[in-house]
Amino acid sequence: LATVLESNSLSIPYEQQRIIPDIPLNCSGAITAWKVGAEWRTGGDHDFFPHLQIWRSVVEGCSYDLIGDTELFVSGGEEHRRDDYIFSGTPDPTVGFQKGDILGMYQPRESRARVRVYYDTSTGPSNYYNDIGDVDVPPMIPAQNDFGIATADGVENSLPLLAIQIAIDCDPLEDPENGTVAITAIATDSLTATYSCLTGFDLVGEEVRTCDCQNTGGLWTGMAPTCMLIDCGGLTAPDDGQISFTPGVAMTIETGLDAVASYTCS
């Protein structure tokens, strides 16, 4: 990876704030883990790390508020970090986000930066920067029009080497009348809802619905099914005879599932 960083990437300049409005988050949830392509530095105060952030648009394409911020903290002694170029960890504190929010990254000043994050110079959308100067933490104020386009070798498609894992936040689902819904996690960013009905009722609609970030935008697919009472239908009594029913599992209807019809003659 060192060769890749040197040939295809550049380090984010110190004391620079970046936001990536061209890649809005497609769902709501929380960041549970992160991974960056970066360089471990042996100099400096060794007590400051890059910041991973969530920004929310106040005026589309014009003004953004800083909603969440966490340091990309890397633990461990420098003696076994000098040859590492991929760093990972979990946010502390947890960083929540809403659909439409965007990612940001802040690189501390050189004298204090422990880890220096790189960005790709060959792929990715435009992202924007603001040289905010000699500060130790990002300012908690809206970022206005003074953001410029971050370029690499004249190409406006540089992108921080950053990957995040999320826990998706999908709307809660209610049990259908005379039935239940069970929600399971396929992955941290994908949920499955499986519907079932009580005995004596038949499921009408989709048995399985999904909610994920990439494909459904944090929304449940389809519509909630219903549970319809199974009715075996009436029977005609024989000439000079009678018919009586013993209800089955659905006591609310005498001709439901597992009902018993008894015939008698006059």
C-alpha atoms as a PDB file:
ATOM      1  CA  LEU A   1       0.000   0.000   0.000  1.00  0.00           C
ATOM      2  CA  ALA A   2       2.929   2.339   0.555  1.00  0.00           C
ATOM      3  CA  THR A   3       3.684   2.263  -3.176  1.00  0.00           C
ATOM      4  CA  VAL A   4       0.027   2.954  -3.985  1.00  0.00           C
ATOM      5  CA  LEU A   5      -0.059   5.909  -1.626  1.00  0.00           C
ATOM      6  CA  GLU A   6       3.078   7.381  -3.102  1.00  0.00           C
ATOM      7  CA  SER A   7       2.045   6.932  -6.753  1.00  0.00           C
ATOM      8  CA  ASN A   8      -1.731   7.499  -6.718  1.00  0.00           C
ATOM      9  CA  SER A   9      -2.403   9.531  -3.593  1.00  0.00           C
ATOM     10  CA  LEU A  10      -1.481  12.708  -1.807  1.00  0.00           C
ATOM     11  CA  SER A  11      -1.768  13.545   1.871  1.00  0.00           C
ATOM     12  CA  ILE A  12      -4.454  15.975   2.958  1.00  0.00           C
ATOM     13  CA  PRO A  13      -2.769  19.312   3.745  1.00  0.00           C
ATOM     14  CA  TYR A  14      -2.448  20.206   7.405  1.00  0.00           C
ATOM     15  CA  GLU A  15      -5.001  22.509   9.007  1.00  0.00           C
ATOM     16  CA  GLN A  16      -7.485  21.790   6.247  1.00  0.00           C
ATOM     17  CA  GLN A  17     -11.198  21.047   6.528  1.00  0.00           C
ATOM     18  CA  ARG A  18     -12.793  18.917   3.798  1.00  0.00           C
ATOM     19  CA  ILE A  19     -16.403  18.063   3.027  1.00  0.00           C
ATOM     20  CA  ILE A  20     -17.755  15.736   0.345  1.00  0.00           C
ATOM     21  CA  PRO A  21     -21.193  17.028  -0.757  1.00  0.00           C
ATOM     22  CA  ASP A  22     -21.264  14.911  -3.920  1.00  0.00           C
ATOM     23  CA  ILE A  23     -21.664  11.722  -1.854  1.00  0.00           C
ATOM     24  CA  PRO A  24     -24.637  12.276   0.482  1.00  0.00           C
ATOM     25  CA  LEU A  25     -25.442   9.501   2.925  1.00  0.00           C
ATOM     26  CA  ASN A  26     -28.346   7.509   1.560  1.00  0.00           C
ATOM     27  CA  CYS A  27     -29.997   6.571   4.861  1.00  0.00           C
ATOM     28  CA  SER A  28     -30.121   7.386   8.561  1.00  0.00           C
ATOM     29  CA  GLY A  29     -28.083   5.608  11.203  1.00  0.00           C
ATOM     30  CA  ALA A  30     -24.780   5.772  13.055  1.00  0.00           C
ATOM     31  CA  ILE A  31     -21.134   5.190  12.166  1.00  0.00           C
ATOM     32  CA  THR A  32     -19.927   2.084  14.016  1.00  0.00           C
ATOM     33  CA  ALA A  33     -16.425   1.678  12.541  1.00  0.00           C
ATOM     34  CA  TRP A  34     -13.999   3.438  10.207  1.00  0.00           C
ATOM     35  CA  LYS A  35     -10.920   2.626   8.116  1.00  0.00           C
ATOM     36  CA  VAL A  36      -8.503   5.078   6.496  1.00  0.00           C
ATOM     37  CA  GLY A  37      -5.435   5.003   4.295  1.00  0.00           C
ATOM     38  CA  ALA A  38      -2.930   7.075   6.211  1.00  0.00           C
ATOM     39  CA  GLU A  39       0.641   7.542   7.378  1.00  0.00           C
ATOM     40  CA  TRP A  40       1.801   7.144  10.962  1.00  0.00           C
ATOM     41  CA  ARG A  41       3.981  10.087  12.013  1.00  0.00           C
ATOM     42  CA  THR A  42       6.739   9.901  14.618  1.00  0.00           C
ATOM     43  CA  GLY A  43       7.076  13.656  15.092  1.00  0.00           C
ATOM     44  CA  GLY A  44       4.811  16.196  16.702  1.00  0.00           C
ATOM     45  CA  ASP A  45       3.019  16.171  20.019  1.00  0.00           C
ATOM     46  CA  HIS A  46       1.420  12.818  19.202  1.00  0.00           C
ATOM     47  CA  ASP A  47      -1.861  13.720  20.850  1.00  0.00           C
ATOM     48  CA  PHE A  48      -4.016  14.861  17.929  1.00  0.00           C
ATOM     49  CA  PHE A  49      -5.657  12.773  15.211  1.00  0.00           C
ATOM     50  CA  PRO A  50      -7.695  13.550  12.091  1.00  0.00           C
ATOM     51  CA  HIS A  51     -11.409  14.090  12.616  1.00  0.00           C
ATOM     52  CA  LEU A  52     -14.230  12.217  10.906  1.00  0.00           C
ATOM     53  CA  GLN A  53     -17.329  14.398  10.695  1.00  0.00           C
ATOM     54  CA  ILE A  54     -20.958  14.602   9.671  1.00  0.00           C
ATOM     55  CA  TRP A  55     -22.143  17.845   8.038  1.00  0.00           C
ATOM     56  CA  ARG A  56     -25.752  18.808   7.278  1.00  0.00           C
ATOM     57  CA  SER A  57     -26.811  21.184   4.537  1.00  0.00           C
ATOM     58  CA  VAL A  58     -28.459  24.397   5.729  1.00  0.00           C
ATOM     59  CA  VAL A  59     -28.669  25.982   2.286  1.00  0.00           C
ATOM     60  CA  GLU A  60     -28.096  23.363  -0.411  1.00  0.00           C
ATOM     61  CA  GLY A  61     -24.650  23.707  -1.943  1.00  0.00           C
ATOM     62  CA  CYS A  62     -24.004  26.848   0.041  1.00  0.00           C
ATOM     63  CA  SER A  63     -23.942  26.368   3.810  1.00  0.00           C
ATOM     64  CA  TYR A  64     -23.347  23.382   6.096  1.00  0.00           C
ATOM     65  CA  ASP A  65     -23.597  22.752   9.840  1.00  0.00           C
ATOM     66  CA  LEU A  66     -21.222  20.432  11.690  1.00  0.00           C
ATOM     67  CA  ILE A  67     -23.503  17.809  13.278  1.00  0.00           C
ATOM     68  CA  GLY A  68     -21.100  15.149  14.526  1.00  0.00           C
ATOM     69  CA  ASP A  69     -17.348  14.887  15.074  1.00  0.00           C
ATOM     70  CA  THR A  70     -14.986  12.167  16.302  1.00  0.00           C
ATOM     71  CA  GLU A  71     -11.224  11.726  16.234  1.00  0.00           C
ATOM     72  CA  LEU A  72      -9.753   8.873  14.178  1.00  0.00           C
ATOM     73  CA  PHE A  73      -7.868   7.660  17.210  1.00  0.00           C
ATOM     74  CA  VAL A  74      -5.172   5.037  16.618  1.00  0.00           C
ATOM     75  CA  SER A  75      -3.759   3.268  19.666  1.00  0.00           C
ATOM     76  CA  GLY A  76      -0.425   1.475  19.954  1.00  0.00           C
ATOM     77  CA  GLY A  77       3.224   2.405  20.040  1.00  0.00           C
ATOM     78  CA  GLU A  78       4.871   4.008  17.063  1.00  0.00           C
ATOM     79  CA  GLU A  79       7.495   1.301  16.816  1.00  0.00           C
ATOM     80  CA  HIS A  80       5.036  -1.073  15.117  1.00  0.00           C
ATOM     81  CA  ARG A  81       3.107   1.587  13.237  1.00  0.00           C
ATOM     82  CA  ARG A  82       5.759   3.016  10.982  1.00  0.00           C
ATOM     83  CA  ASP A  83       5.063   0.481   8.218  1.00  0.00           C
ATOM     84  CA  ASP A  84       1.265   0.461   8.614  1.00  0.00           C
ATOM     85  CA  TYR A  85      -0.813   2.305   6.029  1.00  0.00           C
ATOM     86  CA  ILE A  86      -4.319   1.153   6.898  1.00  0.00           C
ATOM     87  CA  PHE A  87      -5.773   2.207  10.237  1.00  0.00           C
ATOM     88  CA  SER A  88      -9.174   1.300  11.655  1.00  0.00           C
ATOM     89  CA  GLY A  89     -11.185   1.927  14.784  1.00  0.00           C
ATOM     90  CA  THR A  90     -14.571   2.722  16.283  1.00  0.00           C
ATOM     91  CA  PRO A  91     -15.981   6.219  16.838  1.00  0.00           C
ATOM     92  CA  ASP A  92     -15.929   7.586  20.365  1.00  0.00           C
ATOM     93  CA  PRO A  93     -18.347   9.227  20.773  1.00  0.00           C
ATOM     94  CA  THR A  94     -20.782   7.542  18.373  1.00  0.00           C
ATOM     95  CA  VAL A  95     -21.562   9.664  15.338  1.00  0.00           C
ATOM     96  CA  GLY A  96     -25.183   9.608  14.182  1.00  0.00           C
ATOM     97  CA  PHE A  97     -26.426  10.892  10.841  1.00  0.00           C
ATOM     98  CA  GLN A  98     -29.573  11.453   8.812  1.00  0.00           C
ATOM     99  CA  LYS A  99     -30.308  10.706   5.193  1.00  0.00           C
ATOM    100  CA  GLY A 100     -28.788  13.465   3.069  1.00  0.00           C
ATOM    101  CA  ASP A 101     -25.971  14.322   5.483  1.00  0.00           C
ATOM    102  CA  ILE A 102     -22.422  14.387   4.097  1.00  0.00           C
ATOM    103  CA  LEU A 103     -19.017  13.274   5.332  1.00  0.00           C
ATOM    104  CA  GLY A 104     -16.200  15.581   6.259  1.00  0.00           C
ATOM    105  CA  MET A 105     -12.608  15.253   7.422  1.00  0.00           C
ATOM    106  CA  TYR A 106     -10.287  17.600   9.262  1.00  0.00           C
ATOM    107  CA  GLN A 107      -6.488  17.284   9.326  1.00  0.00           C
ATOM    108  CA  PRO A 108      -4.829  18.878  12.405  1.00  0.00           C
ATOM    109  CA  ARG A 109      -1.805  21.120  12.182  1.00  0.00           C
ATOM    110  CA  GLU A 110       1.531  19.476  11.451  1.00  0.00           C
ATOM    111  CA  SER A 111       3.159  19.880  14.845  1.00  0.00           C
ATOM    112  CA  ARG A 112       0.389  17.859  16.487  1.00  0.00           C
ATOM    113  CA  ALA A 113      -0.786  15.403  13.846  1.00  0.00           C
ATOM    114  CA  ARG A 114      -0.158  11.780  14.802  1.00  0.00           C
ATOM    115  CA  VAL A 115      -1.773  10.295  11.680  1.00  0.00           C
ATOM    116  CA  ARG A 116      -1.890  11.945   8.273  1.00  0.00           C
ATOM    117  CA  VAL A 117      -4.736  10.820   5.986  1.00  0.00           C
ATOM    118  CA  TYR A 118      -4.272  10.461   2.235  1.00  0.00           C
ATOM    119  CA  TYR A 119      -6.684  11.032  -0.638  1.00  0.00           C
ATOM    120  CA  ASP A 120      -6.998   9.344  -4.001  1.00  0.00           C
ATOM    121  CA  THR A 121      -5.988  11.394  -7.037  1.00  0.00           C
ATOM    122  CA  SER A 122      -7.550   9.294  -9.770  1.00  0.00           C
ATOM    123  CA  THR A 123     -11.151   8.445  -8.884  1.00  0.00           C
ATOM    124  CA  GLY A 124     -14.030   9.919  -6.960  1.00  0.00           C
ATOM    125  CA  PRO A 125     -16.206  13.034  -7.090  1.00  0.00           C
ATOM    126  CA  SER A 126     -15.304  16.600  -6.311  1.00  0.00           C
ATOM    127  CA  ASN A 127     -14.836  17.462  -2.685  1.00  0.00           C
ATOM    128  CA  TYR A 128     -14.392  20.825  -1.048  1.00  0.00           C
ATOM    129  CA  TYR A 129     -11.881  22.281   1.335  1.00  0.00           C
ATOM    130  CA  ASN A 130     -11.443  25.217   3.640  1.00  0.00           C
ATOM    131  CA  ASP A 131      -8.031  26.218   5.007  1.00  0.00           C
ATOM    132  CA  ILE A 132      -9.261  27.100   8.482  1.00  0.00           C
ATOM    133  CA  GLY A 133      -5.848  27.886   9.896  1.00  0.00           C
ATOM    134  CA  ASP A 134      -3.981  27.036  13.061  1.00  0.00           C
ATOM    135  CA  VAL A 135      -6.636  25.399  15.231  1.00  0.00           C
ATOM    136  CA  ASP A 136      -6.606  22.117  17.099  1.00  0.00           C
ATOM    137  CA  VAL A 137     -10.208  21.100  16.523  1.00  0.00           C
ATOM    138  CA  PRO A 138     -12.687  21.937  13.755  1.00  0.00           C
ATOM    139  CA  PRO A 139     -14.861  24.992  14.363  1.00  0.00           C
ATOM    140  CA  MET A 140     -18.453  24.281  15.397  1.00  0.00           C
ATOM    141  CA  ILE A 141     -19.873  26.838  12.976  1.00  0.00           C
ATOM    142  CA  PRO A 142     -21.526  26.628   9.555  1.00  0.00           C
ATOM    143  CA  ALA A 143     -19.128  26.454   6.641  1.00  0.00           C
ATOM    144  CA  GLN A 144     -20.117  29.094   4.096  1.00  0.00           C
ATOM    145  CA  ASN A 145     -19.303  29.766   0.438  1.00  0.00           C
ATOM    146  CA  ASP A 146     -15.586  30.154   1.082  1.00  0.00           C
ATOM    147  CA  PHE A 147     -15.081  26.436   0.444  1.00  0.00           C
ATOM    148  CA  GLY A 148     -12.984  25.793  -2.637  1.00  0.00           C
ATOM    149  CA  ILE A 149     -12.826  22.718  -4.855  1.00  0.00           C
ATOM    150  CA  ALA A 150     -10.149  20.259  -3.728  1.00  0.00           C
ATOM    151  CA  THR A 151      -7.996  19.335  -6.709  1.00  0.00           C
ATOM    152  CA  ALA A 152      -5.182  16.907  -7.280  1.00  0.00           C
ATOM    153  CA  ASP A 153      -2.887  17.607 -10.206  1.00  0.00           C
ATOM    154  CA  GLY A 154      -5.605  19.750 -11.723  1.00  0.00           C
ATOM    155  CA  VAL A 155      -8.250  16.998 -11.532  1.00  0.00           C
ATOM    156  CA  GLU A 156     -11.327  17.767  -9.468  1.00  0.00           C
ATOM    157  CA  ASN A 157     -11.995  14.206  -8.357  1.00  0.00           C
ATOM    158  CA  SER A 158      -9.819  13.616  -5.307  1.00  0.00           C
ATOM    159  CA  LEU A 159     -11.384  11.637  -2.461  1.00  0.00           C
ATOM    160  CA  PRO A 160     -10.099  10.797   1.056  1.00  0.00           C
ATOM    161  CA  LEU A 161      -9.127   7.139   1.476  1.00  0.00           C
ATOM    162  CA  LEU A 162     -11.932   6.542   3.945  1.00  0.00           C
ATOM    163  CA  ALA A 163     -14.406   3.713   4.495  1.00  0.00           C
ATOM    164  CA  ILE A 164     -17.126   3.600   7.155  1.00  0.00           C
ATOM    165  CA  GLN A 165     -19.315   0.880   8.603  1.00  0.00           C
ATOM    166  CA  ILE A 166     -22.784   1.942   9.663  1.00  0.00           C
ATOM    167  CA  ALA A 167     -25.703   0.705  11.735  1.00  0.00           C
ATOM    168  CA  ILE A 168     -28.795   1.576   9.740  1.00  0.00           C
ATOM    169  CA  ASP A 169     -31.823   3.176  11.377  1.00  0.00           C
ATOM    170  CA  CYS A 170     -34.995   1.999   9.622  1.00  0.00           C
ATOM    171  CA  ASP A 171     -38.522   2.950  10.682  1.00  0.00           C
ATOM    172  CA  PRO A 172     -40.045   0.606  13.295  1.00  0.00           C
ATOM    173  CA  LEU A 173     -42.656  -1.862  12.029  1.00  0.00           C
ATOM    174  CA  GLU A 174     -45.877  -2.907  13.768  1.00  0.00           C
ATOM    175  CA  ASP A 175     -47.189  -6.451  14.003  1.00  0.00           C
ATOM    176  CA  PRO A 176     -50.097  -7.036  11.645  1.00  0.00           C
ATOM    177  CA  GLU A 177     -53.421  -7.792  13.298  1.00  0.00           C
ATOM    178  CA  ASN A 178     -53.453 -11.531  14.112  1.00  0.00           C
ATOM    179  CA  GLY A 179     -49.790 -11.854  13.160  1.00  0.00           C
ATOM    180  CA  THR A 180     -46.212 -10.946  14.000  1.00  0.00           C
ATOM    181  CA  VAL A 181     -43.164  -9.433  12.303  1.00  0.00           C
ATOM    182  CA  ALA A 182     -39.593 -10.457  13.145  1.00  0.00           C
ATOM    183  CA  ILE A 183     -36.695  -8.160  12.177  1.00  0.00           C
ATOM    184  CA  THR A 184     -33.209  -9.593  11.677  1.00  0.00           C
ATOM    185  CA  ALA A 185     -29.945  -7.941  10.646  1.00  0.00           C
ATOM    186  CA  ILE A 186     -28.302  -9.373   7.518  1.00  0.00           C
ATOM    187  CA  ALA A 187     -25.481  -6.857   7.956  1.00  0.00           C
ATOM    188  CA  THR A 188     -25.041  -3.645   9.904  1.00  0.00           C
ATOM    189  CA  ASP A 189     -26.529  -1.680   7.002  1.00  0.00           C
ATOM    190  CA  SER A 190     -29.277  -4.131   6.005  1.00  0.00           C
ATOM    191  CA  LEU A 191     -32.384  -5.391   7.823  1.00  0.00           C
ATOM    192  CA  THR A 192     -34.966  -8.031   6.888  1.00  0.00           C
ATOM    193  CA  ALA A 193     -38.541  -8.151   8.186  1.00  0.00           C
ATOM    194  CA  THR A 194     -40.352 -11.513   8.039  1.00  0.00           C
ATOM    195  CA  TYR A 195     -44.114 -11.604   8.605  1.00  0.00           C
ATOM    196  CA  SER A 196     -46.192 -14.540   9.832  1.00  0.00           C
ATOM    197  CA  CYS A 197     -49.818 -15.069  10.840  1.00  0.00           C
ATOM    198  CA  LEU A 198     -51.468 -16.854  13.716  1.00  0.00           C
ATOM    199  CA  THR A 199     -52.860 -20.314  13.051  1.00  0.00           C
ATOM    200  CA  GLY A 200     -56.181 -19.990  11.274  1.00  0.00           C
ATOM    201  CA  PHE A 201     -55.124 -16.920   9.315  1.00  0.00           C
ATOM    202  CA  ASP A 202     -53.572 -16.656   5.872  1.00  0.00           C
ATOM    203  CA  LEU A 203     -50.866 -14.123   4.941  1.00  0.00           C
ATOM    204  CA  VAL A 204     -51.918 -11.794   2.129  1.00  0.00           C
ATOM    205  CA  GLY A 205     -49.049  -9.763   0.650  1.00  0.00           C
ATOM    206  CA  GLU A 206     -45.277  -9.950   0.850  1.00  0.00           C
ATOM    207  CA  GLU A 207     -43.859 -12.233   3.513  1.00  0.00           C
ATOM    208  CA  VAL A 208     -40.401 -10.587   3.487  1.00  0.00           C
ATOM    209  CA  ARG A 209     -39.451  -6.901   3.292  1.00  0.00           C
ATOM    210  CA  THR A 210     -35.959  -5.378   3.341  1.00  0.00           C
ATOM    211  CA  CYS A 211     -34.413  -2.087   4.357  1.00  0.00           C
ATOM    212  CA  ASP A 212     -30.833  -1.134   3.493  1.00  0.00           C
ATOM    213  CA  CYS A 213     -28.779   1.944   2.811  1.00  0.00           C
ATOM    214  CA  GLN A 214     -27.543   1.335  -0.714  1.00  0.00           C
ATOM    215  CA  ASN A 215     -30.596  -0.112  -2.470  1.00  0.00           C
ATOM    216  CA  THR A 216     -33.666   1.177  -0.616  1.00  0.00           C
ATOM    217  CA  GLY A 217     -32.322   4.405   0.887  1.00  0.00           C
ATOM    218  CA  GLY A 218     -33.236   3.376   4.417  1.00  0.00           C
ATOM    219  CA  LEU A 219     -36.876   2.659   3.502  1.00  0.00           C
ATOM    220  CA  TRP A 220     -38.737  -0.642   3.780  1.00  0.00           C
ATOM    221  CA  THR A 221     -39.597  -2.278   0.479  1.00  0.00           C
ATOM    222  CA  GLY A 222     -43.208  -3.021  -0.419  1.00  0.00           C
ATOM    223  CA  MET A 223     -46.237  -2.733   1.827  1.00  0.00           C
ATOM    224  CA  ALA A 224     -47.085  -4.434   5.097  1.00  0.00           C
ATOM    225  CA  PRO A 225     -49.110  -7.625   4.510  1.00  0.00           C
ATOM    226  CA  THR A 226     -52.350  -8.518   6.287  1.00  0.00           C
ATOM    227  CA  CYS A 227     -53.578 -11.685   7.986  1.00  0.00           C
ATOM    228  CA  MET A 228     -56.917 -12.869   6.597  1.00  0.00           C
ATOM    229  CA  LEU A 229     -59.134 -15.271   8.482  1.00  0.00           C
ATOM    230  CA  ILE A 230     -59.327 -18.647   6.740  1.00  0.00           C
ATOM    231  CA  ASP A 231     -62.968 -19.524   6.026  1.00  0.00           C
ATOM    232  CA  CYS A 232     -63.677 -23.006   4.660  1.00  0.00           C
ATOM    233  CA  GLY A 233     -67.155 -21.916   3.628  1.00  0.00           C
ATOM    234  CA  GLY A 234     -70.633 -23.097   4.471  1.00  0.00           C
ATOM    235  CA  LEU A 235     -72.181 -26.504   3.794  1.00  0.00           C
ATOM    236  CA  THR A 236     -75.740 -27.440   2.757  1.00  0.00           C
ATOM    237  CA  ALA A 237     -77.636 -29.718   5.093  1.00  0.00           C
ATOM    238  CA  PRO A 238     -79.009 -32.960   3.528  1.00  0.00           C
ATOM    239  CA  ASP A 239     -82.718 -33.433   2.908  1.00  0.00           C
ATOM    240  CA  ASP A 240     -84.421 -34.394   6.138  1.00  0.00           C
ATOM    241  CA  GLY A 241     -81.221 -33.743   8.066  1.00  0.00           C
ATOM    242  CA  GLN A 242     -79.199 -31.151   9.892  1.00  0.00           C
ATOM    243  CA  ILE A 243     -75.590 -29.987   9.998  1.00  0.00           C
ATOM    244  CA  SER A 244     -73.718 -28.576  12.968  1.00  0.00           C
ATOM    245  CA  PHE A 245     -70.226 -27.130  13.217  1.00  0.00           C
ATOM    246  CA  THR A 246     -67.555 -27.377  15.872  1.00  0.00           C
ATOM    247  CA  PRO A 247     -65.200 -24.386  15.478  1.00  0.00           C
ATOM    248  CA  GLY A 248     -61.527 -25.095  14.903  1.00  0.00           C
ATOM    249  CA  VAL A 249     -58.554 -22.970  15.918  1.00  0.00           C
ATOM    250  CA  ALA A 250     -60.322 -19.725  14.997  1.00  0.00           C
ATOM    251  CA  MET A 251     -63.145 -19.616  17.514  1.00  0.00           C
ATOM    252  CA  THR A 252     -64.567 -16.451  15.986  1.00  0.00           C
ATOM    253  CA  ILE A 253     -65.939 -18.351  12.990  1.00  0.00           C
ATOM    254  CA  GLU A 254     -67.513 -21.817  12.984  1.00  0.00           C
ATOM    255  CA  THR A 255     -66.275 -22.640   9.470  1.00  0.00           C
ATOM    256  CA  GLY A 256     -62.659 -21.676  10.036  1.00  0.00           C
ATOM    257  CA  LEU A 257     -59.514 -23.804   9.854  1.00  0.00           C
ATOM    258  CA  ASP A 258     -59.854 -27.266  11.490  1.00  0.00           C
ATOM    259  CA  ALA A 259     -63.589 -26.830  11.997  1.00  0.00           C
ATOM    260  CA  VAL A 260     -65.657 -30.049  12.145  1.00  0.00           C
ATOM    261  CA  ALA A 261     -69.041 -30.476  10.424  1.00  0.00           C
ATOM    262  CA  SER A 262     -71.411 -33.072  11.913  1.00  0.00           C
ATOM    263  CA  TYR A 263     -74.459 -34.389  10.016  1.00  0.00           C
ATOM    264  CA  THR A 264     -77.600 -35.835  11.555  1.00  0.00           C
ATOM    265  CA  CYS A 265     -80.875 -37.071  10.075  1.00  0.00           C
ATOM    266  CA  SER A 266     -84.385 -36.339  11.229  1.00  0.00           C
END
